[in-house]
N, C-alpha and C. Protein backbone atom coordinates (compact mmCIF):
# COMPACT_ATOMS: atom_id res chain seq x y z
N MET A 1 79.98 139.65 97.50
CA MET A 1 81.06 138.84 97.03
C MET A 1 82.00 138.31 98.25
N PRO A 2 82.14 137.06 98.44
CA PRO A 2 82.91 136.62 99.59
C PRO A 2 84.44 137.06 99.35
N THR A 3 85.17 137.41 100.46
CA THR A 3 86.50 137.83 100.40
C THR A 3 87.38 136.58 100.31
N ILE A 4 88.65 136.70 100.12
CA ILE A 4 89.69 135.55 100.23
C ILE A 4 89.56 135.05 101.63
N LYS A 5 89.57 135.84 102.62
CA LYS A 5 89.38 135.43 104.01
C LYS A 5 88.21 134.56 104.25
N ASP A 6 86.96 135.00 103.74
CA ASP A 6 85.80 134.29 103.94
C ASP A 6 85.97 132.82 103.35
N ASN A 7 86.61 132.88 102.07
CA ASN A 7 86.81 131.58 101.38
C ASN A 7 87.70 130.73 102.16
N PHE A 8 88.76 131.38 102.69
CA PHE A 8 89.89 130.53 103.29
C PHE A 8 89.28 129.87 104.66
N ASP A 9 88.49 130.77 105.49
CA ASP A 9 87.93 130.18 106.66
C ASP A 9 86.92 129.05 106.40
N ARG A 10 86.15 129.30 105.24
CA ARG A 10 85.27 128.24 104.88
C ARG A 10 85.91 126.90 104.60
N VAL A 11 87.06 127.00 103.62
CA VAL A 11 87.59 125.77 103.34
C VAL A 11 88.32 125.16 104.59
N ASN A 12 89.00 126.01 105.46
CA ASN A 12 89.54 125.49 106.72
C ASN A 12 88.47 124.73 107.58
N LYS A 13 87.30 125.36 107.56
CA LYS A 13 86.30 124.58 108.39
C LYS A 13 85.95 123.29 107.87
N GLN A 14 85.82 123.13 106.46
CA GLN A 14 85.42 121.98 105.73
C GLN A 14 86.64 120.94 106.01
N ILE A 15 87.77 121.39 106.07
CA ILE A 15 88.97 120.48 106.24
C ILE A 15 88.91 119.97 107.84
N VAL A 16 88.65 120.86 108.76
CA VAL A 16 88.54 120.42 110.11
C VAL A 16 87.35 119.49 110.21
N ASP A 17 86.25 119.68 109.66
CA ASP A 17 85.08 118.75 109.63
C ASP A 17 85.42 117.41 109.05
N ALA A 18 86.13 117.43 108.02
CA ALA A 18 86.58 116.15 107.33
C ALA A 18 87.39 115.30 108.05
N VAL A 19 88.34 116.09 108.75
CA VAL A 19 89.44 115.42 109.55
C VAL A 19 88.80 114.83 110.72
N MET A 20 87.97 115.63 111.57
CA MET A 20 87.36 115.05 112.68
C MET A 20 86.45 113.91 112.43
N SER A 21 85.73 114.00 111.33
CA SER A 21 84.78 112.91 111.04
C SER A 21 85.45 111.59 110.76
N CYS A 22 86.76 111.59 110.46
CA CYS A 22 87.39 110.31 110.30
C CYS A 22 88.52 110.08 111.33
N GLY A 23 88.27 110.76 112.61
CA GLY A 23 89.12 110.52 113.69
C GLY A 23 90.57 110.95 113.62
N ARG A 24 90.83 111.90 112.74
CA ARG A 24 92.16 112.57 112.71
C ARG A 24 92.16 113.85 113.43
N LYS A 25 93.31 114.41 113.62
CA LYS A 25 93.60 115.79 114.14
C LYS A 25 93.83 116.83 113.12
N PRO A 26 93.22 117.99 113.25
CA PRO A 26 93.35 119.06 112.20
C PRO A 26 94.78 119.43 111.92
N ASP A 27 95.71 119.24 112.88
CA ASP A 27 97.08 119.60 112.61
C ASP A 27 97.80 118.53 111.81
N THR A 28 97.18 117.55 111.41
CA THR A 28 97.72 116.60 110.48
C THR A 28 97.60 116.91 108.97
N ILE A 29 96.90 118.15 108.70
CA ILE A 29 96.57 118.52 107.28
C ILE A 29 97.29 119.92 107.10
N GLN A 30 98.00 119.89 105.96
CA GLN A 30 98.56 121.29 105.55
C GLN A 30 97.64 121.75 104.42
N LEU A 31 97.03 122.96 104.51
CA LEU A 31 96.25 123.59 103.41
C LEU A 31 97.06 124.36 102.62
N ILE A 32 97.34 123.91 101.41
CA ILE A 32 98.27 124.62 100.37
C ILE A 32 97.30 125.57 99.50
N ALA A 33 97.45 126.87 99.64
CA ALA A 33 96.71 127.83 98.82
C ALA A 33 97.42 127.82 97.48
N VAL A 34 96.80 127.38 96.43
CA VAL A 34 97.26 127.31 95.04
C VAL A 34 97.18 128.78 94.44
N SER A 35 98.37 129.46 94.33
CA SER A 35 98.25 130.79 93.82
C SER A 35 98.77 131.12 92.49
N LYS A 36 98.89 130.08 91.65
CA LYS A 36 99.14 130.20 90.24
C LYS A 36 98.27 131.23 89.60
N ARG A 37 98.82 132.12 88.74
CA ARG A 37 98.01 133.15 88.03
C ARG A 37 97.41 134.19 88.98
N LYS A 38 97.65 134.17 90.18
CA LYS A 38 97.19 135.18 91.06
C LYS A 38 98.23 136.17 91.45
N SER A 39 97.64 137.31 91.82
CA SER A 39 98.66 138.52 92.02
C SER A 39 99.21 138.55 93.37
N VAL A 40 100.34 139.24 93.60
CA VAL A 40 100.92 139.41 94.86
C VAL A 40 99.97 139.98 95.86
N LYS A 41 99.00 140.95 95.43
CA LYS A 41 98.15 141.46 96.31
C LYS A 41 97.16 140.37 96.91
N MET A 42 96.85 139.45 95.99
CA MET A 42 95.90 138.39 96.39
C MET A 42 96.56 137.41 97.44
N ILE A 43 97.83 137.16 97.05
CA ILE A 43 98.56 136.26 98.01
C ILE A 43 98.76 136.88 99.41
N MET A 44 99.01 138.20 99.37
CA MET A 44 99.15 139.07 100.64
C MET A 44 97.75 138.89 101.46
N GLU A 45 96.62 138.92 100.68
CA GLU A 45 95.35 138.80 101.34
C GLU A 45 95.22 137.39 101.98
N GLY A 46 95.79 136.46 101.20
CA GLY A 46 95.78 134.91 101.74
C GLY A 46 96.50 134.88 103.08
N ILE A 47 97.79 135.54 103.08
CA ILE A 47 98.67 135.56 104.19
C ILE A 47 97.83 136.12 105.32
N GLN A 48 97.29 137.32 105.16
CA GLN A 48 96.53 137.95 106.13
C GLN A 48 95.40 137.17 106.71
N ALA A 49 94.85 136.39 105.88
CA ALA A 49 93.64 135.46 106.24
C ALA A 49 94.10 134.27 107.10
N GLY A 50 95.57 134.01 107.07
CA GLY A 50 95.97 132.85 107.87
C GLY A 50 96.65 131.82 107.16
N ALA A 51 96.74 131.88 105.77
CA ALA A 51 97.35 130.97 104.99
C ALA A 51 98.98 130.86 105.23
N LYS A 52 99.53 129.82 105.52
CA LYS A 52 100.92 129.53 105.70
C LYS A 52 101.59 128.85 104.65
N HIS A 53 100.99 128.16 103.73
CA HIS A 53 101.47 127.34 102.66
C HIS A 53 100.84 127.80 101.30
N PHE A 54 101.71 128.13 100.35
CA PHE A 54 101.37 128.53 99.05
C PHE A 54 101.99 127.59 97.98
N GLY A 55 101.17 127.23 96.93
CA GLY A 55 101.62 126.45 95.83
C GLY A 55 101.63 127.19 94.57
N GLU A 56 102.75 127.04 93.82
CA GLU A 56 102.95 127.69 92.50
C GLU A 56 103.23 126.61 91.45
N ASN A 57 102.91 126.91 90.24
CA ASN A 57 103.18 125.86 89.13
C ASN A 57 104.12 126.34 88.23
N TYR A 58 104.48 127.59 88.06
CA TYR A 58 105.26 128.04 86.94
C TYR A 58 106.50 128.78 87.58
N ILE A 59 107.82 128.38 87.25
CA ILE A 59 108.88 128.84 87.90
C ILE A 59 109.06 130.39 87.66
N GLN A 60 108.98 130.90 86.49
CA GLN A 60 109.25 132.13 86.33
C GLN A 60 108.28 133.25 86.99
N GLU A 61 106.99 132.67 86.87
CA GLU A 61 105.87 133.58 87.68
C GLU A 61 106.15 133.45 89.15
N ALA A 62 106.47 132.31 89.74
CA ALA A 62 106.70 132.21 91.13
C ALA A 62 107.91 133.09 91.56
N ILE A 63 109.11 133.03 90.92
CA ILE A 63 110.20 133.77 91.18
C ILE A 63 109.81 135.26 91.34
N GLU A 64 109.16 135.83 90.35
CA GLU A 64 108.68 137.16 90.41
C GLU A 64 108.03 137.50 91.67
N LYS A 65 107.02 136.59 92.07
CA LYS A 65 106.15 136.93 93.31
C LYS A 65 106.96 136.63 94.54
N ILE A 66 107.67 135.56 94.70
CA ILE A 66 108.57 135.26 95.89
C ILE A 66 109.56 136.29 96.16
N ASP A 67 110.13 136.81 95.07
CA ASP A 67 111.14 137.96 95.29
C ASP A 67 110.52 139.21 95.86
N VAL A 68 109.14 139.42 95.62
CA VAL A 68 108.45 140.57 96.36
C VAL A 68 107.95 140.19 97.70
N ILE A 69 107.45 138.96 97.91
CA ILE A 69 106.85 138.56 99.07
C ILE A 69 107.85 138.03 100.06
N GLY A 70 108.80 137.42 99.70
CA GLY A 70 109.84 136.89 100.46
C GLY A 70 109.86 135.30 100.64
N LYS A 71 111.00 134.58 100.69
CA LYS A 71 111.08 133.22 100.89
C LYS A 71 110.57 132.71 102.25
N ASN A 72 110.88 133.40 103.24
CA ASN A 72 110.79 132.90 104.65
C ASN A 72 109.42 133.26 105.29
N LYS A 73 108.72 134.12 104.79
CA LYS A 73 107.37 134.50 105.29
C LYS A 73 106.51 133.52 105.40
N ILE A 74 106.55 132.65 104.48
CA ILE A 74 105.51 131.48 104.36
C ILE A 74 106.27 130.31 103.85
N CYS A 75 105.55 129.14 103.79
CA CYS A 75 106.25 127.96 103.17
C CYS A 75 105.71 127.84 101.67
N TRP A 76 106.67 127.82 100.83
CA TRP A 76 106.46 127.75 99.27
C TRP A 76 106.60 126.31 98.83
N HIS A 77 105.52 125.89 98.00
CA HIS A 77 105.54 124.53 97.50
C HIS A 77 105.53 124.65 95.92
N PHE A 78 106.40 124.01 95.22
CA PHE A 78 106.33 123.87 93.77
C PHE A 78 105.39 122.66 93.33
N ILE A 79 104.35 122.89 92.73
CA ILE A 79 103.34 121.79 92.47
C ILE A 79 103.24 121.64 90.91
N GLY A 80 103.96 122.44 90.22
CA GLY A 80 103.88 122.16 88.63
C GLY A 80 104.89 121.24 88.01
N HIS A 81 104.69 120.98 86.88
CA HIS A 81 105.69 120.12 86.04
C HIS A 81 106.97 120.89 86.03
N LEU A 82 107.98 120.22 86.39
CA LEU A 82 109.35 120.90 86.59
C LEU A 82 110.36 120.11 85.53
N GLN A 83 111.01 121.05 84.72
CA GLN A 83 111.97 120.60 83.76
C GLN A 83 113.43 120.59 84.43
N SER A 84 114.25 119.69 84.23
CA SER A 84 115.63 119.49 84.82
C SER A 84 116.31 120.66 84.78
N ASN A 85 116.32 121.54 83.69
CA ASN A 85 117.07 122.73 83.58
C ASN A 85 116.61 123.93 84.46
N LYS A 86 115.34 123.77 85.05
CA LYS A 86 114.95 124.72 85.96
C LYS A 86 115.03 124.27 87.46
N ALA A 87 115.71 123.27 87.71
CA ALA A 87 115.81 122.59 89.00
C ALA A 87 116.44 123.58 90.06
N LYS A 88 117.55 124.40 89.51
CA LYS A 88 118.32 125.39 90.42
C LYS A 88 117.23 126.39 90.97
N PHE A 89 116.41 126.75 90.17
CA PHE A 89 115.41 127.77 90.65
C PHE A 89 114.46 127.30 91.63
N ALA A 90 114.00 126.05 91.44
CA ALA A 90 113.13 125.33 92.29
C ALA A 90 113.75 125.09 93.65
N VAL A 91 115.02 124.76 93.67
CA VAL A 91 115.79 124.47 94.84
C VAL A 91 116.04 125.82 95.58
N LYS A 92 116.28 126.79 94.90
CA LYS A 92 116.61 128.02 95.57
C LYS A 92 115.26 128.67 96.14
N TYR A 93 114.08 128.61 95.56
CA TYR A 93 112.88 129.24 95.98
C TYR A 93 111.89 128.44 96.72
N PHE A 94 112.04 127.08 96.67
CA PHE A 94 110.82 126.29 97.29
C PHE A 94 111.26 125.34 98.40
N GLU A 95 110.52 125.25 99.49
CA GLU A 95 110.78 124.28 100.61
C GLU A 95 110.41 122.95 100.14
N TYR A 96 109.44 122.76 99.47
CA TYR A 96 108.96 121.54 99.01
C TYR A 96 108.77 121.47 97.30
N ILE A 97 109.16 120.44 96.74
CA ILE A 97 108.88 120.10 95.30
C ILE A 97 108.17 118.82 95.28
N HIS A 98 106.87 119.08 94.80
CA HIS A 98 105.89 117.97 94.82
C HIS A 98 106.02 116.99 93.58
N THR A 99 106.63 117.46 92.53
CA THR A 99 106.49 116.84 91.30
C THR A 99 107.76 116.20 90.72
N VAL A 100 108.40 115.44 91.42
CA VAL A 100 109.62 114.65 91.04
C VAL A 100 109.00 113.41 90.43
N ASP A 101 109.47 113.07 89.22
CA ASP A 101 108.77 111.86 88.51
C ASP A 101 109.91 111.15 87.76
N THR A 102 111.00 111.56 87.73
CA THR A 102 112.18 110.85 87.02
C THR A 102 113.43 110.82 87.80
N LEU A 103 114.24 109.94 87.47
CA LEU A 103 115.61 109.90 88.08
C LEU A 103 116.40 111.12 87.58
N LYS A 104 116.29 111.42 86.23
CA LYS A 104 116.93 112.57 85.88
C LYS A 104 116.75 113.93 86.64
N LEU A 105 115.35 114.07 86.91
CA LEU A 105 115.07 115.43 87.73
C LEU A 105 115.57 115.22 88.98
N ALA A 106 115.39 114.09 89.71
CA ALA A 106 115.95 113.85 91.02
C ALA A 106 117.32 114.26 91.22
N LYS A 107 118.12 113.69 90.16
CA LYS A 107 119.69 114.02 90.10
C LYS A 107 119.91 115.44 90.01
N SER A 108 119.12 116.15 89.09
CA SER A 108 119.30 117.63 88.98
C SER A 108 119.07 118.39 90.29
N ILE A 109 117.92 117.97 90.88
CA ILE A 109 117.67 118.71 92.08
C ILE A 109 118.71 118.45 93.32
N ASP A 110 119.09 117.20 93.38
CA ASP A 110 120.23 116.90 94.28
C ASP A 110 121.43 117.65 94.04
N LYS A 111 121.89 117.72 92.83
CA LYS A 111 123.04 118.50 92.45
C LYS A 111 123.00 119.91 92.74
N GLN A 112 121.79 120.52 92.55
CA GLN A 112 121.63 121.89 92.89
C GLN A 112 121.54 122.22 94.29
N ALA A 113 120.87 121.34 95.04
CA ALA A 113 120.88 121.37 96.42
C ALA A 113 122.19 121.31 97.07
N LYS A 114 122.91 120.38 96.59
CA LYS A 114 124.37 120.25 97.16
C LYS A 114 125.16 121.55 97.01
N LYS A 115 124.94 122.19 95.87
CA LYS A 115 125.69 123.44 95.60
C LYS A 115 125.47 124.53 96.75
N ILE A 116 124.17 124.51 97.31
CA ILE A 116 123.91 125.46 98.31
C ILE A 116 123.66 124.92 99.69
N ASP A 117 124.22 123.81 99.88
CA ASP A 117 124.33 123.02 101.06
C ASP A 117 122.74 122.98 101.68
N LYS A 118 121.96 122.48 100.90
CA LYS A 118 120.50 122.36 101.20
C LYS A 118 120.12 120.89 101.16
N ILE A 119 119.31 120.43 102.16
CA ILE A 119 118.47 119.19 101.97
C ILE A 119 117.13 119.51 101.50
N GLN A 120 116.88 119.29 100.19
CA GLN A 120 115.63 119.63 99.53
C GLN A 120 114.60 118.61 99.78
N LYS A 121 113.30 119.09 100.33
CA LYS A 121 112.27 118.24 100.67
C LYS A 121 111.54 117.98 99.24
N ILE A 122 111.28 116.73 98.92
CA ILE A 122 110.77 116.38 97.69
C ILE A 122 109.51 115.29 97.88
N LEU A 123 108.57 115.41 97.02
CA LEU A 123 107.63 114.25 96.80
C LEU A 123 107.74 113.60 95.57
N VAL A 124 107.36 112.38 95.33
CA VAL A 124 107.34 111.76 94.09
C VAL A 124 105.96 111.80 93.55
N GLN A 125 105.79 112.33 92.28
CA GLN A 125 104.44 112.40 91.62
C GLN A 125 104.21 111.05 90.98
N VAL A 126 103.05 110.63 91.29
CA VAL A 126 102.55 109.29 90.68
C VAL A 126 101.39 109.48 89.74
N ASN A 127 101.48 109.14 88.56
CA ASN A 127 100.26 109.17 87.52
C ASN A 127 99.36 108.11 87.87
N ILE A 128 98.73 108.27 88.83
CA ILE A 128 97.72 107.19 89.49
C ILE A 128 96.69 106.74 88.52
N GLY A 129 96.28 107.64 87.63
CA GLY A 129 95.23 107.30 86.81
C GLY A 129 95.55 107.00 85.37
N LYS A 130 97.03 106.68 85.20
CA LYS A 130 97.60 106.41 83.86
C LYS A 130 97.11 107.27 82.82
N GLU A 131 97.05 108.66 83.06
CA GLU A 131 96.50 109.50 82.05
C GLU A 131 97.80 109.98 81.24
N GLU A 132 97.67 110.02 79.93
CA GLU A 132 98.69 110.43 79.02
C GLU A 132 98.91 111.87 79.07
N THR A 133 97.94 112.62 79.43
CA THR A 133 97.97 114.09 79.48
C THR A 133 98.70 114.69 80.80
N LYS A 134 99.00 113.71 81.72
CA LYS A 134 99.53 114.09 83.04
C LYS A 134 100.93 113.52 83.38
N SER A 135 101.59 114.35 84.00
CA SER A 135 103.01 113.89 84.47
C SER A 135 103.01 112.83 85.55
N GLY A 136 104.07 112.31 85.91
CA GLY A 136 104.10 111.40 87.06
C GLY A 136 104.72 110.19 86.61
N THR A 137 105.27 109.46 87.64
CA THR A 137 105.88 108.13 87.37
C THR A 137 104.75 107.00 87.31
N ARG A 138 104.89 105.99 86.64
CA ARG A 138 103.87 104.93 86.55
C ARG A 138 103.77 104.32 87.98
N THR A 139 102.68 103.87 88.40
CA THR A 139 102.52 103.25 89.78
C THR A 139 103.49 102.17 89.94
N GLU A 140 103.57 101.29 88.90
CA GLU A 140 104.40 100.07 89.03
C GLU A 140 105.99 100.29 89.07
N GLU A 141 106.23 101.56 88.66
CA GLU A 141 107.81 101.83 88.56
C GLU A 141 108.05 102.75 89.85
N THR A 142 107.15 103.17 90.66
CA THR A 142 107.43 104.15 91.70
C THR A 142 108.48 103.59 92.68
N ILE A 143 108.24 102.42 93.16
CA ILE A 143 109.19 101.89 94.25
C ILE A 143 110.62 101.81 93.84
N GLU A 144 110.83 101.42 92.62
CA GLU A 144 112.07 101.45 92.02
C GLU A 144 112.81 102.83 92.05
N LEU A 145 111.99 103.72 91.51
CA LEU A 145 112.46 105.07 91.41
C LEU A 145 112.75 105.70 92.86
N ILE A 146 111.95 105.28 93.85
CA ILE A 146 112.21 105.75 95.11
C ILE A 146 113.50 105.09 95.71
N LYS A 147 113.73 103.88 95.48
CA LYS A 147 114.95 103.31 95.97
C LYS A 147 116.28 103.90 95.41
N GLN A 148 116.13 104.28 94.10
CA GLN A 148 117.26 104.97 93.64
C GLN A 148 117.39 106.37 94.19
N ILE A 149 116.31 107.18 94.27
CA ILE A 149 116.35 108.46 94.87
C ILE A 149 116.92 108.43 96.35
N SER A 150 116.58 107.47 97.01
CA SER A 150 116.92 107.25 98.49
C SER A 150 118.42 107.39 98.66
N THR A 151 119.19 107.18 97.51
CA THR A 151 120.72 107.28 97.66
C THR A 151 121.25 108.75 97.61
N PHE A 152 120.41 109.69 97.17
CA PHE A 152 120.89 110.98 97.09
C PHE A 152 121.00 111.75 98.45
N GLU A 153 122.14 112.26 98.78
CA GLU A 153 122.35 112.75 100.10
C GLU A 153 121.68 114.06 100.38
N ASN A 154 121.40 114.86 99.34
CA ASN A 154 120.83 116.21 99.52
C ASN A 154 119.23 116.29 99.13
N LEU A 155 118.63 115.02 99.21
CA LEU A 155 117.22 114.96 98.91
C LEU A 155 116.60 114.25 100.22
N SER A 156 115.53 114.72 100.59
CA SER A 156 114.70 114.28 101.70
C SER A 156 113.23 113.89 101.07
N LEU A 157 113.01 112.56 100.75
CA LEU A 157 111.91 112.24 100.13
C LEU A 157 110.66 112.03 101.16
N GLN A 158 109.80 112.95 101.21
CA GLN A 158 108.83 113.18 102.25
C GLN A 158 107.35 112.48 101.92
N GLY A 159 107.28 112.07 100.66
CA GLY A 159 106.05 111.38 100.35
C GLY A 159 105.57 111.28 98.90
N LEU A 160 104.32 111.17 98.61
CA LEU A 160 103.80 111.00 97.27
C LEU A 160 102.76 111.98 96.98
N MET A 161 102.63 112.33 95.67
CA MET A 161 101.74 113.37 95.23
C MET A 161 100.96 112.78 93.97
N CYS A 162 99.71 113.07 93.98
CA CYS A 162 98.96 112.65 92.71
C CYS A 162 97.86 113.61 92.29
N MET A 163 97.40 113.56 91.05
CA MET A 163 96.27 114.26 90.61
C MET A 163 95.46 113.21 89.90
N PRO A 164 94.47 112.64 90.51
CA PRO A 164 93.60 111.74 89.84
C PRO A 164 92.69 112.34 88.71
N PRO A 165 92.16 111.50 87.85
CA PRO A 165 91.27 112.04 86.87
C PRO A 165 90.25 112.96 87.50
N TYR A 166 89.70 113.96 86.75
CA TYR A 166 88.76 114.82 87.29
C TYR A 166 87.36 114.10 87.08
N PHE A 167 86.63 114.13 88.21
CA PHE A 167 85.22 113.77 88.25
C PHE A 167 84.29 114.76 88.90
N SER A 168 83.10 114.95 88.34
CA SER A 168 82.18 115.96 89.06
C SER A 168 81.69 115.42 90.35
N ASP A 169 81.66 114.06 90.40
CA ASP A 169 81.39 113.37 91.74
C ASP A 169 82.69 113.02 92.32
N PRO A 170 83.24 113.53 93.49
CA PRO A 170 84.43 113.34 94.07
C PRO A 170 84.58 111.96 94.53
N GLU A 171 83.45 111.15 94.87
CA GLU A 171 83.46 109.86 95.27
C GLU A 171 84.22 108.93 94.36
N LYS A 172 84.12 109.28 92.99
CA LYS A 172 84.79 108.53 91.95
C LYS A 172 86.29 108.55 92.10
N ALA A 173 86.82 109.59 92.81
CA ALA A 173 88.28 109.82 93.03
C ALA A 173 88.74 108.88 94.01
N ARG A 174 87.96 108.52 94.89
CA ARG A 174 88.42 107.67 96.11
C ARG A 174 89.25 106.52 95.77
N ILE A 175 89.00 105.78 94.91
CA ILE A 175 89.80 104.61 94.47
C ILE A 175 91.31 104.97 94.21
N TYR A 176 91.50 106.20 93.58
CA TYR A 176 92.82 106.55 93.38
C TYR A 176 93.48 106.97 94.42
N PHE A 177 92.95 107.73 95.42
CA PHE A 177 93.55 108.13 96.69
C PHE A 177 93.86 106.92 97.58
N LYS A 178 92.94 106.04 97.48
CA LYS A 178 93.19 104.77 98.15
C LYS A 178 94.48 103.98 97.63
N GLN A 179 94.56 103.97 96.33
CA GLN A 179 95.78 103.30 95.77
C GLN A 179 97.11 104.05 96.19
N LEU A 180 97.04 105.34 96.27
CA LEU A 180 98.27 106.12 96.62
C LEU A 180 98.62 105.69 98.08
N GLY A 181 97.62 105.62 98.88
CA GLY A 181 97.83 105.36 100.35
C GLY A 181 98.43 103.93 100.53
N LEU A 182 97.96 103.02 99.65
CA LEU A 182 98.57 101.70 99.76
C LEU A 182 99.97 101.60 99.22
N LEU A 183 100.29 102.31 98.19
CA LEU A 183 101.56 102.46 97.66
C LEU A 183 102.59 103.10 98.70
N LYS A 184 102.18 104.03 99.44
CA LYS A 184 102.92 104.66 100.56
C LYS A 184 103.15 103.65 101.53
N GLU A 185 102.28 102.80 101.99
CA GLU A 185 102.58 101.76 102.95
C GLU A 185 103.66 100.81 102.40
N LYS A 186 103.49 100.42 101.18
CA LYS A 186 104.64 99.44 100.61
C LYS A 186 105.85 100.03 100.73
N ILE A 187 105.98 101.30 100.50
CA ILE A 187 107.29 102.16 100.41
C ILE A 187 107.83 102.20 101.71
N MET A 188 106.92 102.50 102.85
CA MET A 188 107.26 102.58 104.15
C MET A 188 107.91 101.29 104.71
N ALA A 189 107.29 100.21 104.13
CA ALA A 189 107.82 98.84 104.72
C ALA A 189 109.27 98.50 104.31
N ARG A 190 109.71 99.26 103.24
CA ARG A 190 111.06 99.05 102.77
C ARG A 190 112.14 99.71 103.70
N LYS A 191 111.74 100.75 104.49
CA LYS A 191 112.47 101.39 105.44
C LYS A 191 113.84 101.89 104.74
N LEU A 192 113.63 102.70 103.80
CA LEU A 192 114.75 103.25 102.93
C LEU A 192 115.31 104.51 103.63
N GLY A 193 116.57 104.84 103.54
CA GLY A 193 117.19 105.89 103.99
C GLY A 193 116.75 107.14 103.23
N ASN A 194 116.62 108.36 103.84
CA ASN A 194 116.23 109.54 103.20
C ASN A 194 114.80 109.49 102.87
N VAL A 195 114.07 108.57 103.22
CA VAL A 195 112.69 108.54 102.80
C VAL A 195 111.74 108.48 104.11
N THR A 196 110.93 109.38 104.29
CA THR A 196 110.11 109.32 105.55
C THR A 196 108.65 109.06 105.12
N MET A 197 108.22 109.28 103.97
CA MET A 197 106.83 109.11 103.63
C MET A 197 105.87 109.70 104.53
N GLU A 198 106.18 110.88 104.98
CA GLU A 198 105.27 111.63 105.95
C GLU A 198 103.97 112.18 105.29
N HIS A 199 104.19 112.43 103.97
CA HIS A 199 102.98 113.22 103.30
C HIS A 199 102.45 112.38 102.05
N LEU A 200 101.23 112.57 102.06
CA LEU A 200 100.29 112.39 100.85
C LEU A 200 99.77 113.70 100.28
N SER A 201 100.24 114.16 99.22
CA SER A 201 99.77 115.41 98.68
C SER A 201 98.67 115.07 97.67
N MET A 202 97.42 115.04 98.05
CA MET A 202 96.29 114.78 97.14
C MET A 202 95.10 115.51 97.73
N GLY A 203 94.25 115.74 96.71
CA GLY A 203 92.98 116.43 96.99
C GLY A 203 93.06 117.94 96.64
N MET A 204 92.13 118.32 95.82
CA MET A 204 92.02 119.68 95.32
C MET A 204 90.65 120.23 95.58
N SER A 205 90.24 121.39 95.20
CA SER A 205 89.11 122.10 95.51
C SER A 205 87.84 121.14 95.47
N ASN A 206 87.70 120.40 94.44
CA ASN A 206 86.53 119.52 94.28
C ASN A 206 86.46 118.28 95.08
N ASP A 207 87.66 117.75 95.45
CA ASP A 207 87.72 116.47 96.12
C ASP A 207 88.54 116.24 97.38
N PHE A 208 88.83 117.42 98.06
CA PHE A 208 89.71 117.39 99.13
C PHE A 208 89.20 116.53 100.27
N LYS A 209 87.94 116.58 100.37
CA LYS A 209 87.27 115.93 101.59
C LYS A 209 87.35 114.33 101.56
N VAL A 210 87.22 113.91 100.34
CA VAL A 210 87.42 112.35 100.11
C VAL A 210 88.95 112.06 100.16
N ALA A 211 89.82 112.95 99.70
CA ALA A 211 91.30 112.63 99.95
C ALA A 211 91.69 112.63 101.31
N ILE A 212 91.14 113.50 102.21
CA ILE A 212 91.39 113.52 103.68
C ILE A 212 90.94 112.27 104.23
N GLU A 213 89.87 111.83 103.85
CA GLU A 213 89.35 110.47 104.40
C GLU A 213 90.19 109.33 104.05
N GLU A 214 90.98 109.46 102.99
CA GLU A 214 91.90 108.39 102.51
C GLU A 214 93.43 108.61 102.93
N GLY A 215 93.59 109.66 103.86
CA GLY A 215 94.84 109.72 104.39
C GLY A 215 95.66 110.92 103.76
N SER A 216 95.07 111.84 103.09
CA SER A 216 95.84 113.06 102.68
C SER A 216 96.47 113.77 103.72
N THR A 217 97.74 114.28 103.59
CA THR A 217 98.20 115.34 104.64
C THR A 217 98.40 116.70 103.99
N MET A 218 98.27 116.76 102.73
CA MET A 218 98.49 118.06 102.12
C MET A 218 97.39 118.21 100.94
N VAL A 219 96.54 119.21 101.08
CA VAL A 219 95.53 119.51 100.07
C VAL A 219 95.86 120.71 99.36
N ARG A 220 95.62 120.72 98.05
CA ARG A 220 96.08 121.84 97.17
C ARG A 220 94.94 122.50 96.69
N VAL A 221 94.47 123.61 97.27
CA VAL A 221 93.19 124.36 97.00
C VAL A 221 93.41 125.69 96.45
N GLY A 222 93.05 125.97 95.19
CA GLY A 222 93.08 127.16 94.61
C GLY A 222 91.81 127.90 94.44
N THR A 223 90.90 127.35 93.50
CA THR A 223 89.63 127.85 93.12
C THR A 223 88.73 128.27 94.34
N SER A 224 88.70 127.41 95.24
CA SER A 224 87.74 127.60 96.43
C SER A 224 88.37 128.72 97.41
N ILE A 225 89.52 129.15 97.20
CA ILE A 225 90.15 130.30 98.05
C ILE A 225 90.12 131.53 97.21
N PHE A 226 90.66 131.41 96.03
CA PHE A 226 90.92 132.65 95.26
C PHE A 226 90.03 132.93 94.12
N GLY A 227 89.01 131.98 93.84
CA GLY A 227 88.10 132.12 92.78
C GLY A 227 88.61 131.47 91.54
N ARG A 228 87.88 131.50 90.54
CA ARG A 228 88.29 130.84 89.26
C ARG A 228 89.56 131.66 88.59
N ARG A 229 90.39 130.98 87.91
CA ARG A 229 91.49 131.58 87.18
C ARG A 229 91.14 132.41 86.24
N ASP A 230 91.82 133.43 86.13
CA ASP A 230 91.56 134.52 85.06
C ASP A 230 91.90 134.09 83.70
């Protein structure tokens, strides 16, 4: 059985190969090890393997793990659906929140960040495939939402996140990654305050190579590192 370190090294090599093949540098990609439903022991193995970024989907589960592991040892990313009433926990525990998709949620995060004198890094989640089962703002409403978010002093909007429809053939996801990249360019052209558009959070275990070719800077990989969810 391959170890977490074996898996992590393999995924890292695949990322480097994908990045180099499209003329980019390896340090332009953050590999986020998705550790939802995984134990503290497994996360510690990931840290020992060299993982520096971890993604969690559920607030309560994440709090319990981060309290044991520590907030500052690694960079924590919240990548699950976030309710406004849980914003204070996300702000307290996470460096990045990838899943901001409404003005109400952005307001809540800004308010909670202000209370602890923090500039919270966020990404706006776009429902790029228009799927009813997934969260995210509609593509055509994204620019207006970002214009409104840009006025919040305690938010730093760092980019966009998406989860395209699942395909067994990752090539079929390419069109969605391409659309998110084009949307990022449109937003950058607006030159809005508090908006850097540094990141595209896209690509998971099955399709991260295609996502990298289309400009991803953050890939969220769980299964390929930790194995299937229990």
